[in-house]
Amino acid sequence: MAEIDRSSLAITVITAEEQIKGRFKLIKRAASSGRKLIQAYADLQANLAFFKTIQVLSFDEAALAHYETLRQPKIRIGTQDLRIAAIVLSVKGTLVTRNWRDFSKIPNLVLEDWS
């Protein structure tokens, strides 16, 4: 990732949503533990700071059109993954993921695995 031009990198708003939800769950679980709560909030703050440094791709009208098209054949992957794929297709991007099992089911979706 260090070799990639940062201006060409982005995450989807769906990915941001999932990360924030995960942070909120950790905060809720850590509510009675002082040190864990401090760390949970620090991790949330780190995520928010990261989101300021990278382009976050929207779920807009173009993404919605792709999403509705992808729902027609009832591709058997999660709703959030389908939304991520729709955003990537709408911007003619490449999805970097290890989850080829699900995303490879999406026609015309360009995938890369950097792991």
PDB file of N, CA and C in Angstrom:
ATOM      1  N   MET A   1       0.829  -1.188   0.000  1.00  0.00           N
ATOM      2  CA  MET A   1       0.000   0.000   0.000  1.00  0.00           C
ATOM      3  C   MET A   1       0.879   1.260   0.000  1.00  0.00           C
ATOM      4  N   ALA A   2       2.063   1.168   0.591  1.00  0.00           N
ATOM      5  CA  ALA A   2       2.965   2.319   0.633  1.00  0.00           C
ATOM      6  C   ALA A   2       3.411   2.740  -0.757  1.00  0.00           C
ATOM      7  N   GLU A   3       3.370   1.807  -1.713  1.00  0.00           N
ATOM      8  CA  GLU A   3       3.805   2.095  -3.075  1.00  0.00           C
ATOM      9  C   GLU A   3       2.711   2.714  -3.938  1.00  0.00           C
ATOM     10  N   ILE A   4       1.508   2.764  -3.443  1.00  0.00           N
ATOM     11  CA  ILE A   4       0.361   3.268  -4.199  1.00  0.00           C
ATOM     12  C   ILE A   4       0.194   4.763  -3.958  1.00  0.00           C
ATOM     13  N   ASP A   5      -0.120   5.499  -5.004  1.00  0.00           N
ATOM     14  CA  ASP A   5      -0.420   6.926  -4.896  1.00  0.00           C
ATOM     15  C   ASP A   5      -1.684   7.088  -4.045  1.00  0.00           C
ATOM     16  N   ARG A   6      -1.566   7.743  -2.896  1.00  0.00           N
ATOM     17  CA  ARG A   6      -2.691   7.889  -1.965  1.00  0.00           C
ATOM     18  C   ARG A   6      -3.902   8.556  -2.600  1.00  0.00           C
ATOM     19  N   SER A   7      -3.682   9.396  -3.599  1.00  0.00           N
ATOM     20  CA  SER A   7      -4.813  10.074  -4.228  1.00  0.00           C
ATOM     21  C   SER A   7      -5.675   9.104  -5.033  1.00  0.00           C
ATOM     22  N   SER A   8      -5.161   7.924  -5.322  1.00  0.00           N
ATOM     23  CA  SER A   8      -5.949   6.943  -6.065  1.00  0.00           C
ATOM     24  C   SER A   8      -6.621   5.931  -5.136  1.00  0.00           C
ATOM     25  N   LEU A   9      -6.416   6.077  -3.840  1.00  0.00           N
ATOM     26  CA  LEU A   9      -7.031   5.179  -2.869  1.00  0.00           C
ATOM     27  C   LEU A   9      -8.319   5.782  -2.324  1.00  0.00           C
ATOM     28  N   ALA A  10      -9.252   4.906  -2.006  1.00  0.00           N
ATOM     29  CA  ALA A  10     -10.512   5.349  -1.415  1.00  0.00           C
ATOM     30  C   ALA A  10     -11.129   4.189  -0.650  1.00  0.00           C
ATOM     31  N   ILE A  11     -12.045   4.517   0.218  1.00  0.00           N
ATOM     32  CA  ILE A  11     -12.892   3.512   0.840  1.00  0.00           C
ATOM     33  C   ILE A  11     -14.332   3.895   0.531  1.00  0.00           C
ATOM     34  N   THR A  12     -15.234   2.975   0.708  1.00  0.00           N
ATOM     35  CA  THR A  12     -16.646   3.297   0.492  1.00  0.00           C
ATOM     36  C   THR A  12     -17.263   3.779   1.808  1.00  0.00           C
ATOM     37  N   VAL A  13     -18.314   4.532   1.686  1.00  0.00           N
ATOM     38  CA  VAL A  13     -19.037   4.984   2.865  1.00  0.00           C
ATOM     39  C   VAL A  13     -19.598   3.776   3.621  1.00  0.00           C
ATOM     40  N   ILE A  14     -19.853   2.677   2.921  1.00  0.00           N
ATOM     41  CA  ILE A  14     -20.343   1.446   3.563  1.00  0.00           C
ATOM     42  C   ILE A  14     -19.244   0.878   4.464  1.00  0.00           C
ATOM     43  N   THR A  15     -18.017   0.891   3.969  1.00  0.00           N
ATOM     44  CA  THR A  15     -16.880   0.417   4.754  1.00  0.00           C
ATOM     45  C   THR A  15     -16.705   1.285   6.001  1.00  0.00           C
ATOM     46  N   ALA A  16     -16.821   2.597   5.835  1.00  0.00           N
ATOM     47  CA  ALA A  16     -16.728   3.506   6.976  1.00  0.00           C
ATOM     48  C   ALA A  16     -17.835   3.207   7.985  1.00  0.00           C
ATOM     49  N   GLU A  17     -19.043   2.989   7.486  1.00  0.00           N
ATOM     50  CA  GLU A  17     -20.174   2.659   8.366  1.00  0.00           C
ATOM     51  C   GLU A  17     -19.875   1.399   9.178  1.00  0.00           C
ATOM     52  N   GLU A  18     -19.362   0.356   8.513  1.00  0.00           N
ATOM     53  CA  GLU A  18     -19.082  -0.898   9.201  1.00  0.00           C
ATOM     54  C   GLU A  18     -18.005  -0.720  10.262  1.00  0.00           C
ATOM     55  N   GLN A  19     -16.978   0.064   9.952  1.00  0.00           N
ATOM     56  CA  GLN A  19     -15.913   0.290  10.929  1.00  0.00           C
ATOM     57  C   GLN A  19     -16.430   1.067  12.134  1.00  0.00           C
ATOM     58  N   ILE A  20     -17.237   2.083  11.891  1.00  0.00           N
ATOM     59  CA  ILE A  20     -17.772   2.875  13.005  1.00  0.00           C
ATOM     60  C   ILE A  20     -18.712   2.031  13.859  1.00  0.00           C
ATOM     61  N   LYS A  21     -19.564   1.229  13.231  1.00  0.00           N
ATOM     62  CA  LYS A  21     -20.446   0.346  14.003  1.00  0.00           C
ATOM     63  C   LYS A  21     -19.635  -0.586  14.899  1.00  0.00           C
ATOM     64  N   GLY A  22     -18.553  -1.121  14.341  1.00  0.00           N
ATOM     65  CA  GLY A  22     -17.684  -2.002  15.126  1.00  0.00           C
ATOM     66  C   GLY A  22     -17.075  -1.280  16.312  1.00  0.00           C
ATOM     67  N   ARG A  23     -16.652  -0.048  16.098  1.00  0.00           N
ATOM     68  CA  ARG A  23     -16.085   0.745  17.198  1.00  0.00           C
ATOM     69  C   ARG A  23     -17.138   1.012  18.272  1.00  0.00           C
ATOM     70  N   PHE A  24     -18.380   1.327  17.860  1.00  0.00           N
ATOM     71  CA  PHE A  24     -19.450   1.566  18.830  1.00  0.00           C
ATOM     72  C   PHE A  24     -19.731   0.310  19.658  1.00  0.00           C
ATOM     73  N   LYS A  25     -19.689  -0.859  19.018  1.00  0.00           N
ATOM     74  CA  LYS A  25     -19.905  -2.110  19.760  1.00  0.00           C
ATOM     75  C   LYS A  25     -18.822  -2.306  20.810  1.00  0.00           C
ATOM     76  N   LEU A  26     -17.579  -2.021  20.444  1.00  0.00           N
ATOM     77  CA  LEU A  26     -16.481  -2.165  21.406  1.00  0.00           C
ATOM     78  C   LEU A  26     -16.620  -1.173  22.556  1.00  0.00           C
ATOM     79  N   ILE A  27     -17.074   0.039  22.267  1.00  0.00           N
ATOM     80  CA  ILE A  27     -17.295   1.032  23.322  1.00  0.00           C
ATOM     81  C   ILE A  27     -18.387   0.546  24.269  1.00  0.00           C
ATOM     82  N   LYS A  28     -19.448   0.018  23.713  1.00  0.00           N
ATOM     83  CA  LYS A  28     -20.553  -0.468  24.540  1.00  0.00           C
ATOM     84  C   LYS A  28     -20.095  -1.621  25.440  1.00  0.00           C
ATOM     85  N   ARG A  29     -19.307  -2.550  24.864  1.00  0.00           N
ATOM     86  CA  ARG A  29     -18.808  -3.687  25.646  1.00  0.00           C
ATOM     87  C   ARG A  29     -17.829  -3.253  26.728  1.00  0.00           C
ATOM     88  N   ALA A  30     -17.070  -2.201  26.470  1.00  0.00           N
ATOM     89  CA  ALA A  30     -16.035  -1.747  27.395  1.00  0.00           C
ATOM     90  C   ALA A  30     -16.559  -0.778  28.447  1.00  0.00           C
ATOM     91  N   ALA A  31     -17.830  -0.511  28.450  1.00  0.00           N
ATOM     92  CA  ALA A  31     -18.412   0.540  29.295  1.00  0.00           C
ATOM     93  C   ALA A  31     -18.048   0.408  30.769  1.00  0.00           C
ATOM     94  N   SER A  32     -17.845  -0.789  31.272  1.00  0.00           N
ATOM     95  CA  SER A  32     -17.559  -0.953  32.704  1.00  0.00           C
ATOM     96  C   SER A  32     -16.066  -1.162  32.983  1.00  0.00           C
ATOM     97  N   SER A  33     -15.251  -1.078  31.957  1.00  0.00           N
ATOM     98  CA  SER A  33     -13.814  -1.277  32.138  1.00  0.00           C
ATOM     99  C   SER A  33     -13.057  -0.026  31.704  1.00  0.00           C
ATOM    100  N   GLY A  34     -12.489   0.681  32.654  1.00  0.00           N
ATOM    101  CA  GLY A  34     -11.838   1.960  32.395  1.00  0.00           C
ATOM    102  C   GLY A  34     -10.795   1.918  31.293  1.00  0.00           C
ATOM    103  N   ARG A  35      -9.810   1.029  31.383  1.00  0.00           N
ATOM    104  CA  ARG A  35      -8.739   0.971  30.390  1.00  0.00           C
ATOM    105  C   ARG A  35      -9.261   0.556  29.015  1.00  0.00           C
ATOM    106  N   LYS A  36     -10.149  -0.414  28.986  1.00  0.00           N
ATOM    107  CA  LYS A  36     -10.709  -0.853  27.704  1.00  0.00           C
ATOM    108  C   LYS A  36     -11.543   0.254  27.074  1.00  0.00           C
ATOM    109  N   LEU A  37     -12.230   1.017  27.890  1.00  0.00           N
ATOM    110  CA  LEU A  37     -13.046   2.125  27.395  1.00  0.00           C
ATOM    111  C   LEU A  37     -12.156   3.215  26.798  1.00  0.00           C
ATOM    112  N   ILE A  38     -11.072   3.527  27.474  1.00  0.00           N
ATOM    113  CA  ILE A  38     -10.125   4.508  26.943  1.00  0.00           C
ATOM    114  C   ILE A  38      -9.605   4.053  25.584  1.00  0.00           C
ATOM    115  N   GLN A  39      -9.219   2.779  25.489  1.00  0.00           N
ATOM    116  CA  GLN A  39      -8.694   2.253  24.224  1.00  0.00           C
ATOM    117  C   GLN A  39      -9.770   2.246  23.140  1.00  0.00           C
ATOM    118  N   ALA A  40     -10.986   1.892  23.511  1.00  0.00           N
ATOM    119  CA  ALA A  40     -12.074   1.845  22.528  1.00  0.00           C
ATOM    120  C   ALA A  40     -12.338   3.232  21.939  1.00  0.00           C
ATOM    121  N   TYR A  41     -12.329   4.246  22.787  1.00  0.00           N
ATOM    122  CA  TYR A  41     -12.521   5.611  22.287  1.00  0.00           C
ATOM    123  C   TYR A  41     -11.318   6.084  21.480  1.00  0.00           C
ATOM    124  N   ALA A  42     -10.128   5.701  21.875  1.00  0.00           N
ATOM    125  CA  ALA A  42      -8.925   6.068  21.115  1.00  0.00           C
ATOM    126  C   ALA A  42      -8.981   5.442  19.724  1.00  0.00           C
ATOM    127  N   ASP A  43      -9.435   4.201  19.650  1.00  0.00           N
ATOM    128  CA  ASP A  43      -9.552   3.523  18.354  1.00  0.00           C
ATOM    129  C   ASP A  43     -10.607   4.192  17.463  1.00  0.00           C
ATOM    130  N   LEU A  44     -11.719   4.597  18.067  1.00  0.00           N
ATOM    131  CA  LEU A  44     -12.736   5.330  17.311  1.00  0.00           C
ATOM    132  C   LEU A  44     -12.160   6.637  16.783  1.00  0.00           C
ATOM    133  N   GLN A  45     -11.447   7.341  17.628  1.00  0.00           N
ATOM    134  CA  GLN A  45     -10.854   8.613  17.211  1.00  0.00           C
ATOM    135  C   GLN A  45      -9.837   8.402  16.088  1.00  0.00           C
ATOM    136  N   ALA A  46      -9.077   7.318  16.148  1.00  0.00           N
ATOM    137  CA  ALA A  46      -8.111   7.005  15.090  1.00  0.00           C
ATOM    138  C   ALA A  46      -8.834   6.737  13.773  1.00  0.00           C
ATOM    139  N   ASN A  47      -9.954   6.019  13.844  1.00  0.00           N
ATOM    140  CA  ASN A  47     -10.741   5.776  12.625  1.00  0.00           C
ATOM    141  C   ASN A  47     -11.238   7.089  12.032  1.00  0.00           C
ATOM    142  N   LEU A  48     -11.771   7.961  12.863  1.00  0.00           N
ATOM    143  CA  LEU A  48     -12.288   9.239  12.375  1.00  0.00           C
ATOM    144  C   LEU A  48     -11.173  10.076  11.749  1.00  0.00           C
ATOM    145  N   ALA A  49     -10.004  10.050  12.350  1.00  0.00           N
ATOM    146  CA  ALA A  49      -8.859  10.788  11.794  1.00  0.00           C
ATOM    147  C   ALA A  49      -8.465  10.191  10.438  1.00  0.00           C
ATOM    148  N   PHE A  50      -8.478   8.868  10.333  1.00  0.00           N
ATOM    149  CA  PHE A  50      -8.144   8.213   9.064  1.00  0.00           C
ATOM    150  C   PHE A  50      -9.123   8.625   7.964  1.00  0.00           C
ATOM    151  N   PHE A  51     -10.397   8.692   8.293  1.00  0.00           N
ATOM    152  CA  PHE A  51     -11.412   9.049   7.299  1.00  0.00           C
ATOM    153  C   PHE A  51     -11.175  10.445   6.723  1.00  0.00           C
ATOM    154  N   LYS A  52     -10.512  11.304   7.475  1.00  0.00           N
ATOM    155  CA  LYS A  52     -10.184  12.651   6.977  1.00  0.00           C
ATOM    156  C   LYS A  52      -9.048  12.620   5.962  1.00  0.00           C
ATOM    157  N   THR A  53      -8.273  11.534   5.958  1.00  0.00           N
ATOM    158  CA  THR A  53      -7.076  11.474   5.105  1.00  0.00           C
ATOM    159  C   THR A  53      -7.289  10.715   3.807  1.00  0.00           C
ATOM    160  N   ILE A  54      -8.451  10.145   3.621  1.00  0.00           N
ATOM    161  CA  ILE A  54      -8.695   9.307   2.452  1.00  0.00           C
ATOM    162  C   ILE A  54     -10.050   9.667   1.839  1.00  0.00           C
ATOM    163  N   GLN A  55     -10.139   9.499   0.555  1.00  0.00           N
ATOM    164  CA  GLN A  55     -11.410   9.749  -0.129  1.00  0.00           C
ATOM    165  C   GLN A  55     -12.425   8.689   0.299  1.00  0.00           C
ATOM    166  N   VAL A  56     -13.621   9.124   0.639  1.00  0.00           N
ATOM    167  CA  VAL A  56     -14.706   8.214   0.994  1.00  0.00           C
ATOM    168  C   VAL A  56     -15.745   8.290  -0.127  1.00  0.00           C
ATOM    169  N   LEU A  57     -15.924   7.169  -0.818  1.00  0.00           N
ATOM    170  CA  LEU A  57     -16.842   7.120  -1.960  1.00  0.00           C
ATOM    171  C   LEU A  57     -18.287   7.021  -1.484  1.00  0.00           C
ATOM    172  N   SER A  58     -19.145   7.830  -2.061  1.00  0.00           N
ATOM    173  CA  SER A  58     -20.560   7.925  -1.659  1.00  0.00           C
ATOM    174  C   SER A  58     -21.410   6.814  -2.253  1.00  0.00           C
ATOM    175  N   PHE A  59     -22.497   6.549  -1.561  1.00  0.00           N
ATOM    176  CA  PHE A  59     -23.570   5.729  -2.141  1.00  0.00           C
ATOM    177  C   PHE A  59     -24.545   6.735  -2.729  1.00  0.00           C
ATOM    178  N   ASP A  60     -24.375   7.014  -4.026  1.00  0.00           N
ATOM    179  CA  ASP A  60     -25.150   8.060  -4.695  1.00  0.00           C
ATOM    180  C   ASP A  60     -26.104   7.443  -5.714  1.00  0.00           C
ATOM    181  N   GLU A  61     -26.657   8.275  -6.574  1.00  0.00           N
ATOM    182  CA  GLU A  61     -27.625   7.796  -7.577  1.00  0.00           C
ATOM    183  C   GLU A  61     -27.016   6.728  -8.496  1.00  0.00           C
ATOM    184  N   ALA A  62     -25.769   6.939  -8.924  1.00  0.00           N
ATOM    185  CA  ALA A  62     -25.116   5.956  -9.799  1.00  0.00           C
ATOM    186  C   ALA A  62     -24.916   4.634  -9.070  1.00  0.00           C
ATOM    187  N   ALA A  63     -24.491   4.708  -7.810  1.00  0.00           N
ATOM    188  CA  ALA A  63     -24.314   3.482  -7.024  1.00  0.00           C
ATOM    189  C   ALA A  63     -25.655   2.788  -6.796  1.00  0.00           C
ATOM    190  N   LEU A  64     -26.695   3.571  -6.537  1.00  0.00           N
ATOM    191  CA  LEU A  64     -28.025   3.000  -6.342  1.00  0.00           C
ATOM    192  C   LEU A  64     -28.489   2.263  -7.595  1.00  0.00           C
ATOM    193  N   ALA A  65     -28.243   2.826  -8.761  1.00  0.00           N
ATOM    194  CA  ALA A  65     -28.627   2.164 -10.017  1.00  0.00           C
ATOM    195  C   ALA A  65     -27.909   0.832 -10.159  1.00  0.00           C
ATOM    196  N   HIS A  66     -26.614   0.800  -9.866  1.00  0.00           N
ATOM    197  CA  HIS A  66     -25.871  -0.469  -9.923  1.00  0.00           C
ATOM    198  C   HIS A  66     -26.396  -1.449  -8.883  1.00  0.00           C
ATOM    199  N   TYR A  67     -26.678  -0.964  -7.695  1.00  0.00           N
ATOM    200  CA  TYR A  67     -27.188  -1.807  -6.620  1.00  0.00           C
ATOM    201  C   TYR A  67     -28.507  -2.463  -7.012  1.00  0.00           C
ATOM    202  N   GLU A  68     -29.411  -1.671  -7.570  1.00  0.00           N
ATOM    203  CA  GLU A  68     -30.705  -2.222  -7.974  1.00  0.00           C
ATOM    204  C   GLU A  68     -30.544  -3.242  -9.090  1.00  0.00           C
ATOM    205  N   THR A  69     -29.609  -3.004 -10.005  1.00  0.00           N
ATOM    206  CA  THR A  69     -29.329  -3.973 -11.071  1.00  0.00           C
ATOM    207  C   THR A  69     -28.756  -5.260 -10.493  1.00  0.00           C
ATOM    208  N   LEU A  70     -27.857  -5.137  -9.531  1.00  0.00           N
ATOM    209  CA  LEU A  70     -27.243  -6.315  -8.918  1.00  0.00           C
ATOM    210  C   LEU A  70     -28.242  -7.124  -8.095  1.00  0.00           C
ATOM    211  N   ARG A  71     -29.250  -6.486  -7.565  1.00  0.00           N
ATOM    212  CA  ARG A  71     -30.259  -7.201  -6.773  1.00  0.00           C
ATOM    213  C   ARG A  71     -31.171  -8.057  -7.639  1.00  0.00           C
ATOM    214  N   GLN A  72     -31.313  -7.709  -8.921  1.00  0.00           N
ATOM    215  CA  GLN A  72     -32.227  -8.432  -9.818  1.00  0.00           C
ATOM    216  C   GLN A  72     -31.940  -9.941  -9.878  1.00  0.00           C
ATOM    217  N   PRO A  73     -30.678 -10.349 -10.140  1.00  0.00           N
ATOM    218  CA  PRO A  73     -30.426 -11.781 -10.251  1.00  0.00           C
ATOM    219  C   PRO A  73     -30.292 -12.498  -8.903  1.00  0.00           C
ATOM    220  N   LYS A  74     -30.519 -11.765  -7.810  1.00  0.00           N
ATOM    221  CA  LYS A  74     -30.455 -12.328  -6.460  1.00  0.00           C
ATOM    222  C   LYS A  74     -29.107 -13.004  -6.183  1.00  0.00           C
ATOM    223  N   ILE A  75     -28.036 -12.251  -6.410  1.00  0.00           N
ATOM    224  CA  ILE A  75     -26.696 -12.733  -6.120  1.00  0.00           C
ATOM    225  C   ILE A  75     -26.603 -12.969  -4.616  1.00  0.00           C
ATOM    226  N   ARG A  76     -26.140 -14.117  -4.238  1.00  0.00           N
ATOM    227  CA  ARG A  76     -26.151 -14.518  -2.834  1.00  0.00           C
ATOM    228  C   ARG A  76     -24.901 -14.035  -2.090  1.00  0.00           C
ATOM    229  N   ILE A  77     -24.885 -12.723  -1.811  1.00  0.00           N
ATOM    230  CA  ILE A  77     -23.876 -12.152  -0.924  1.00  0.00           C
ATOM    231  C   ILE A  77     -24.592 -11.149  -0.020  1.00  0.00           C
ATOM    232  N   GLY A  78     -23.916 -10.718   1.015  1.00  0.00           N
ATOM    233  CA  GLY A  78     -24.520  -9.800   1.973  1.00  0.00           C
ATOM    234  C   GLY A  78     -24.895  -8.461   1.358  1.00  0.00           C
ATOM    235  N   THR A  79     -25.891  -7.829   1.939  1.00  0.00           N
ATOM    236  CA  THR A  79     -26.381  -6.539   1.464  1.00  0.00           C
ATOM    237  C   THR A  79     -25.281  -5.489   1.462  1.00  0.00           C
ATOM    238  N   GLN A  80     -24.496  -5.430   2.546  1.00  0.00           N
ATOM    239  CA  GLN A  80     -23.433  -4.425   2.611  1.00  0.00           C
ATOM    240  C   GLN A  80     -22.380  -4.670   1.530  1.00  0.00           C
ATOM    241  N   ASP A  81     -22.027  -5.935   1.291  1.00  0.00           N
ATOM    242  CA  ASP A  81     -21.068  -6.257   0.233  1.00  0.00           C
ATOM    243  C   ASP A  81     -21.622  -5.887  -1.138  1.00  0.00           C
ATOM    244  N   LEU A  82     -22.902  -6.086  -1.320  1.00  0.00           N
ATOM    245  CA  LEU A  82     -23.532  -5.707  -2.588  1.00  0.00           C
ATOM    246  C   LEU A  82     -23.487  -4.186  -2.776  1.00  0.00           C
ATOM    247  N   ARG A  83     -23.681  -3.444  -1.706  1.00  0.00           N
ATOM    248  CA  ARG A  83     -23.601  -1.979  -1.771  1.00  0.00           C
ATOM    249  C   ARG A  83     -22.174  -1.518  -2.066  1.00  0.00           C
ATOM    250  N   ILE A  84     -21.197  -2.162  -1.436  1.00  0.00           N
ATOM    251  CA  ILE A  84     -19.795  -1.835  -1.719  1.00  0.00           C
ATOM    252  C   ILE A  84     -19.496  -2.084  -3.188  1.00  0.00           C
ATOM    253  N   ALA A  85     -19.912  -3.236  -3.699  1.00  0.00           N
ATOM    254  CA  ALA A  85     -19.680  -3.564  -5.111  1.00  0.00           C
ATOM    255  C   ALA A  85     -20.346  -2.537  -6.024  1.00  0.00           C
ATOM    256  N   ALA A  86     -21.537  -2.120  -5.683  1.00  0.00           N
ATOM    257  CA  ALA A  86     -22.254  -1.133  -6.498  1.00  0.00           C
ATOM    258  C   ALA A  86     -21.498   0.187  -6.553  1.00  0.00           C
ATOM    259  N   ILE A  87     -20.953   0.614  -5.434  1.00  0.00           N
ATOM    260  CA  ILE A  87     -20.183   1.861  -5.412  1.00  0.00           C
ATOM    261  C   ILE A  87     -18.950   1.718  -6.292  1.00  0.00           C
ATOM    262  N   VAL A  88     -18.230   0.617  -6.144  1.00  0.00           N
ATOM    263  CA  VAL A  88     -17.003   0.406  -6.922  1.00  0.00           C
ATOM    264  C   VAL A  88     -17.324   0.355  -8.415  1.00  0.00           C
ATOM    265  N   LEU A  89     -18.393  -0.336  -8.779  1.00  0.00           N
ATOM    266  CA  LEU A  89     -18.796  -0.379 -10.192  1.00  0.00           C
ATOM    267  C   LEU A  89     -19.172   1.012 -10.694  1.00  0.00           C
ATOM    268  N   SER A  90     -19.825   1.802  -9.858  1.00  0.00           N
ATOM    269  CA  SER A  90     -20.294   3.124 -10.294  1.00  0.00           C
ATOM    270  C   SER A  90     -19.141   4.085 -10.589  1.00  0.00           C
ATOM    271  N   VAL A  91     -17.992   3.861  -9.967  1.00  0.00           N
ATOM    272  CA  VAL A  91     -16.842   4.731 -10.216  1.00  0.00           C
ATOM    273  C   VAL A  91     -15.805   4.051 -11.119  1.00  0.00           C
ATOM    274  N   LYS A  92     -16.180   2.869 -11.635  1.00  0.00           N
ATOM    275  CA  LYS A  92     -15.276   2.083 -12.478  1.00  0.00           C
ATOM    276  C   LYS A  92     -13.946   1.837 -11.770  1.00  0.00           C
ATOM    277  N   GLY A  93     -14.043   1.471 -10.503  1.00  0.00           N
ATOM    278  CA  GLY A  93     -12.862   1.255  -9.678  1.00  0.00           C
ATOM    279  C   GLY A  93     -12.470  -0.201  -9.577  1.00  0.00           C
ATOM    280  N   THR A  94     -11.465  -0.430  -8.769  1.00  0.00           N
ATOM    281  CA  THR A  94     -10.984  -1.774  -8.460  1.00  0.00           C
ATOM    282  C   THR A  94     -11.190  -1.996  -6.971  1.00  0.00           C
ATOM    283  N   LEU A  95     -11.805  -3.112  -6.629  1.00  0.00           N
ATOM    284  CA  LEU A  95     -12.044  -3.441  -5.230  1.00  0.00           C
ATOM    285  C   LEU A  95     -10.874  -4.264  -4.713  1.00  0.00           C
ATOM    286  N   VAL A  96     -10.215  -3.747  -3.680  1.00  0.00           N
ATOM    287  CA  VAL A  96      -9.132  -4.484  -3.038  1.00  0.00           C
ATOM    288  C   VAL A  96      -9.752  -5.221  -1.857  1.00  0.00           C
ATOM    289  N   THR A  97      -9.697  -6.551  -1.915  1.00  0.00           N
ATOM    290  CA  THR A  97     -10.343  -7.376  -0.896  1.00  0.00           C
ATOM    291  C   THR A  97      -9.711  -8.752  -0.852  1.00  0.00           C
ATOM    292  N   ARG A  98      -9.856  -9.404   0.287  1.00  0.00           N
ATOM    293  CA  ARG A  98      -9.493 -10.822   0.385  1.00  0.00           C
ATOM    294  C   ARG A  98     -10.728 -11.692   0.176  1.00  0.00           C
ATOM    295  N   ASN A  99     -11.888 -11.071   0.157  1.00  0.00           N
ATOM    296  CA  ASN A  99     -13.151 -11.808   0.068  1.00  0.00           C
ATOM    297  C   ASN A  99     -13.531 -12.096  -1.390  1.00  0.00           C
ATOM    298  N   TRP A 100     -12.757 -12.897  -2.045  1.00  0.00           N
ATOM    299  CA  TRP A 100     -13.048 -13.243  -3.437  1.00  0.00           C
ATOM    300  C   TRP A 100     -14.241 -14.197  -3.527  1.00  0.00           C
ATOM    301  N   ARG A 101     -14.468 -14.962  -2.478  1.00  0.00           N
ATOM    302  CA  ARG A 101     -15.576 -15.929  -2.495  1.00  0.00           C
ATOM    303  C   ARG A 101     -16.904 -15.228  -2.804  1.00  0.00           C
ATOM    304  N   ASP A 102     -17.129 -14.082  -2.175  1.00  0.00           N
ATOM    305  CA  ASP A 102     -18.375 -13.356  -2.395  1.00  0.00           C
ATOM    306  C   ASP A 102     -18.278 -12.389  -3.574  1.00  0.00           C
ATOM    307  N   PHE A 103     -17.251 -11.547  -3.579  1.00  0.00           N
ATOM    308  CA  PHE A 103     -17.180 -10.495  -4.590  1.00  0.00           C
ATOM    309  C   PHE A 103     -16.948 -11.013  -6.007  1.00  0.00           C
ATOM    310  N   SER A 104     -16.387 -12.201  -6.139  1.00  0.00           N
ATOM    311  CA  SER A 104     -16.194 -12.754  -7.489  1.00  0.00           C
ATOM    312  C   SER A 104     -17.523 -13.124  -8.146  1.00  0.00           C
ATOM    313  N   LYS A 105     -18.592 -13.134  -7.403  1.00  0.00           N
ATOM    314  CA  LYS A 105     -19.921 -13.411  -7.951  1.00  0.00           C
ATOM    315  C   LYS A 105     -20.510 -12.204  -8.689  1.00  0.00           C
ATOM    316  N   ILE A 106     -19.891 -11.046  -8.536  1.00  0.00           N
ATOM    317  CA  ILE A 106     -20.398  -9.806  -9.123  1.00  0.00           C
ATOM    318  C   ILE A 106     -19.829  -9.645 -10.530  1.00  0.00           C
ATOM    319  N   PRO A 107     -20.696  -9.636 -11.540  1.00  0.00           N
ATOM    320  CA  PRO A 107     -20.204  -9.462 -12.918  1.00  0.00           C
ATOM    321  C   PRO A 107     -19.507  -8.114 -13.109  1.00  0.00           C
ATOM    322  N   ASN A 108     -18.407  -8.133 -13.845  1.00  0.00           N
ATOM    323  CA  ASN A 108     -17.654  -6.931 -14.232  1.00  0.00           C
ATOM    324  C   ASN A 108     -16.966  -6.201 -13.083  1.00  0.00           C
ATOM    325  N   LEU A 109     -16.943  -6.785 -11.898  1.00  0.00           N
ATOM    326  CA  LEU A 109     -16.259  -6.157 -10.770  1.00  0.00           C
ATOM    327  C   LEU A 109     -14.787  -6.554 -10.811  1.00  0.00           C
ATOM    328  N   VAL A 110     -13.912  -5.553 -10.877  1.00  0.00           N
ATOM    329  CA  VAL A 110     -12.468  -5.795 -10.922  1.00  0.00           C
ATOM    330  C   VAL A 110     -11.967  -5.935  -9.482  1.00  0.00           C
ATOM    331  N   LEU A 111     -11.261  -7.042  -9.217  1.00  0.00           N
ATOM    332  CA  LEU A 111     -10.790  -7.344  -7.866  1.00  0.00           C
ATOM    333  C   LEU A 111      -9.276  -7.448  -7.819  1.00  0.00           C
ATOM    334  N   GLU A 112      -8.716  -7.074  -6.691  1.00  0.00           N
ATOM    335  CA  GLU A 112      -7.302  -7.298  -6.380  1.00  0.00           C
ATOM    336  C   GLU A 112      -7.203  -7.718  -4.934  1.00  0.00           C
ATOM    337  N   ASP A 113      -6.201  -8.548  -4.644  1.00  0.00           N
ATOM    338  CA  ASP A 113      -5.933  -8.989  -3.269  1.00  0.00           C
ATOM    339  C   ASP A 113      -4.517  -8.571  -2.935  1.00  0.00           C
ATOM    340  N   TRP A 114      -4.360  -7.681  -1.954  1.00  0.00           N
ATOM    341  CA  TRP A 114      -3.034  -7.201  -1.574  1.00  0.00           C
ATOM    342  C   TRP A 114      -2.471  -7.933  -0.377  1.00  0.00           C
ATOM    343  N   SER A 115      -3.178  -8.953   0.102  1.00  0.00           N
ATOM    344  CA  SER A 115      -2.701  -9.643   1.307  1.00  0.00           C
ATOM    345  C   SER A 115      -1.543 -10.561   1.011  1.00  0.00           C
TER     346      SER A 115
END
